[in-house]
Amino acid sequence: MADRGRRGEPIGQPQGAPGASVKPLRQEGLFAYTAINAPRGLNERIYHVWRYNGQVIDRIAVDIHGGRNKGYRAWTHKQNFPTHAIGRWDVQVLTEAGQMIGVLRVKVVEYRVG
């Protein structure tokens, strides 16, 4: 999971843990990156399922076509975070059949200037 804004700089990442702050998160959103070992000719849909405190908040489809020797890389851009987004977020990477093939985690913290 990447917690970077439009220009690629970190958005409020606390030391020692992947995270983001609420204000920049609501302004720029958050990207989830996934690397998948996909053989050539594969055509499948996966999902990034965004969960907040265990509850599904969003489900974003990613279509995978093809593949390459080093696998397939995909990303989604989650926007429209709730006003009260402080806490733990998970992004489950699921196949269309519901099989979990990965999970990304991020902690959203209170925004502090300086």
Protein backbone atom coordinates (compact mmCIF):
# COMPACT_ATOMS: atom_id res chain seq x y z
CA MET A 1 0.00 0.00 0.00
CA ALA A 2 1.32 3.37 -0.85
CA ASP A 3 0.35 6.41 1.12
CA ARG A 4 1.40 9.05 -1.35
CA GLY A 5 -0.26 12.11 -2.82
CA ARG A 6 -0.51 13.12 -6.47
CA ARG A 7 3.14 14.13 -6.72
CA GLY A 8 4.40 11.00 -4.95
CA GLU A 9 5.36 12.57 -1.62
CA PRO A 10 4.25 10.91 1.62
CA ILE A 11 1.04 12.30 3.13
CA GLY A 12 1.49 12.48 6.87
CA GLN A 13 3.25 9.15 7.35
CA PRO A 14 4.04 8.53 11.04
CA GLN A 15 7.49 7.20 11.88
CA GLY A 16 7.86 3.43 12.00
CA ALA A 17 4.48 2.45 10.51
CA PRO A 18 2.67 2.84 7.22
CA GLY A 19 0.04 5.47 7.72
CA ALA A 20 -1.65 8.63 6.58
CA SER A 21 -3.21 11.68 8.20
CA VAL A 22 -6.89 12.52 7.87
CA LYS A 23 -6.68 15.99 6.24
CA PRO A 24 -4.35 15.02 3.34
CA LEU A 25 -6.20 11.71 3.01
CA ARG A 26 -9.54 13.47 2.48
CA GLN A 27 -7.93 15.90 0.00
CA GLU A 28 -5.90 13.48 -2.11
CA GLY A 29 -7.14 9.98 -1.33
CA LEU A 30 -4.97 6.91 -1.03
CA PHE A 31 -3.51 4.49 -3.56
CA ALA A 32 -3.34 0.71 -3.09
CA TYR A 33 -0.73 -1.11 -5.21
CA THR A 34 -0.82 -4.85 -5.85
CA ALA A 35 1.72 -7.13 -7.53
CA ILE A 36 0.20 -10.38 -8.83
CA ASN A 37 1.95 -13.37 -10.34
CA ALA A 38 -0.22 -13.72 -13.46
CA PRO A 39 0.54 -16.00 -16.42
CA ARG A 40 0.21 -14.68 -19.95
CA GLY A 41 -3.28 -14.88 -21.30
CA LEU A 42 -4.89 -14.47 -17.89
CA ASN A 43 -8.09 -12.43 -17.91
CA GLU A 44 -9.50 -12.00 -14.43
CA ARG A 45 -11.12 -9.40 -12.23
CA ILE A 46 -9.82 -8.83 -8.73
CA TYR A 47 -11.05 -6.41 -6.09
CA HIS A 48 -9.47 -4.05 -3.62
CA VAL A 49 -11.92 -4.20 -0.71
CA TRP A 50 -11.37 -1.25 1.64
CA ARG A 51 -12.34 -2.07 5.23
CA TYR A 52 -12.44 0.31 8.19
CA ASN A 53 -12.50 -1.24 11.66
CA GLY A 54 -13.65 -4.52 10.07
CA GLN A 55 -16.51 -3.01 8.04
CA VAL A 56 -16.48 -2.92 4.22
CA ILE A 57 -16.44 0.72 3.07
CA ASP A 58 -15.60 0.36 -0.63
CA ARG A 59 -15.00 -2.31 -3.25
CA ILE A 60 -12.98 -1.31 -6.32
CA ALA A 61 -12.67 -3.67 -9.30
CA VAL A 62 -9.36 -4.17 -11.12
CA ASP A 63 -9.31 -6.06 -14.42
CA ILE A 64 -6.16 -8.09 -15.13
CA HIS A 65 -5.34 -8.85 -18.74
CA GLY A 66 -2.28 -10.75 -19.84
CA GLY A 67 0.64 -10.86 -17.50
CA ARG A 68 4.39 -10.89 -17.95
CA ASN A 69 7.40 -12.79 -16.66
CA LYS A 70 7.66 -10.63 -13.55
CA GLY A 71 3.92 -10.62 -12.84
CA TYR A 72 1.24 -7.99 -13.08
CA ARG A 73 1.03 -4.75 -11.14
CA ALA A 74 -2.23 -2.95 -10.51
CA TRP A 75 -3.41 -0.04 -8.41
CA THR A 76 -6.60 1.63 -7.28
CA HIS A 77 -7.20 5.14 -5.98
CA LYS A 78 -9.57 5.35 -3.02
CA GLN A 79 -11.22 8.73 -2.57
CA ASN A 80 -14.23 9.93 -0.59
CA PHE A 81 -13.02 8.91 2.84
CA PRO A 82 -15.47 9.42 5.69
CA THR A 83 -15.08 12.43 7.99
CA HIS A 84 -14.10 10.15 10.88
CA ALA A 85 -11.41 8.06 9.18
CA ILE A 86 -8.95 7.81 12.09
CA GLY A 87 -8.09 4.20 12.85
CA ARG A 88 -7.02 1.02 11.12
CA TRP A 89 -7.79 0.36 7.47
CA ASP A 90 -7.26 -2.88 5.55
CA VAL A 91 -7.38 -3.38 1.82
CA GLN A 92 -8.16 -7.00 1.04
CA VAL A 93 -7.14 -8.20 -2.41
CA LEU A 94 -9.81 -10.68 -3.50
CA THR A 95 -10.46 -12.76 -6.61
CA GLU A 96 -13.90 -12.63 -8.20
CA ALA A 97 -14.65 -15.93 -6.42
CA GLY A 98 -13.89 -14.27 -3.07
CA GLN A 99 -10.48 -15.87 -2.42
CA MET A 100 -8.16 -13.52 -0.52
CA ILE A 101 -4.79 -13.30 -2.23
CA GLY A 102 -3.36 -10.50 -0.14
CA VAL A 103 -4.02 -7.77 2.39
CA LEU A 104 -2.60 -4.28 2.81
CA ARG A 105 -2.82 -2.33 6.07
CA VAL A 106 -2.63 1.36 6.94
CA LYS A 107 -3.32 3.38 10.05
CA VAL A 108 -4.91 6.82 9.69
CA VAL A 109 -3.84 9.30 12.37
CA GLU A 110 -4.88 12.79 13.40
CA TYR A 111 -3.36 15.51 11.22
CA ARG A 112 -0.81 17.71 12.98
CA VAL A 113 1.06 20.61 11.37
CA GLY A 114 4.79 20.77 12.06
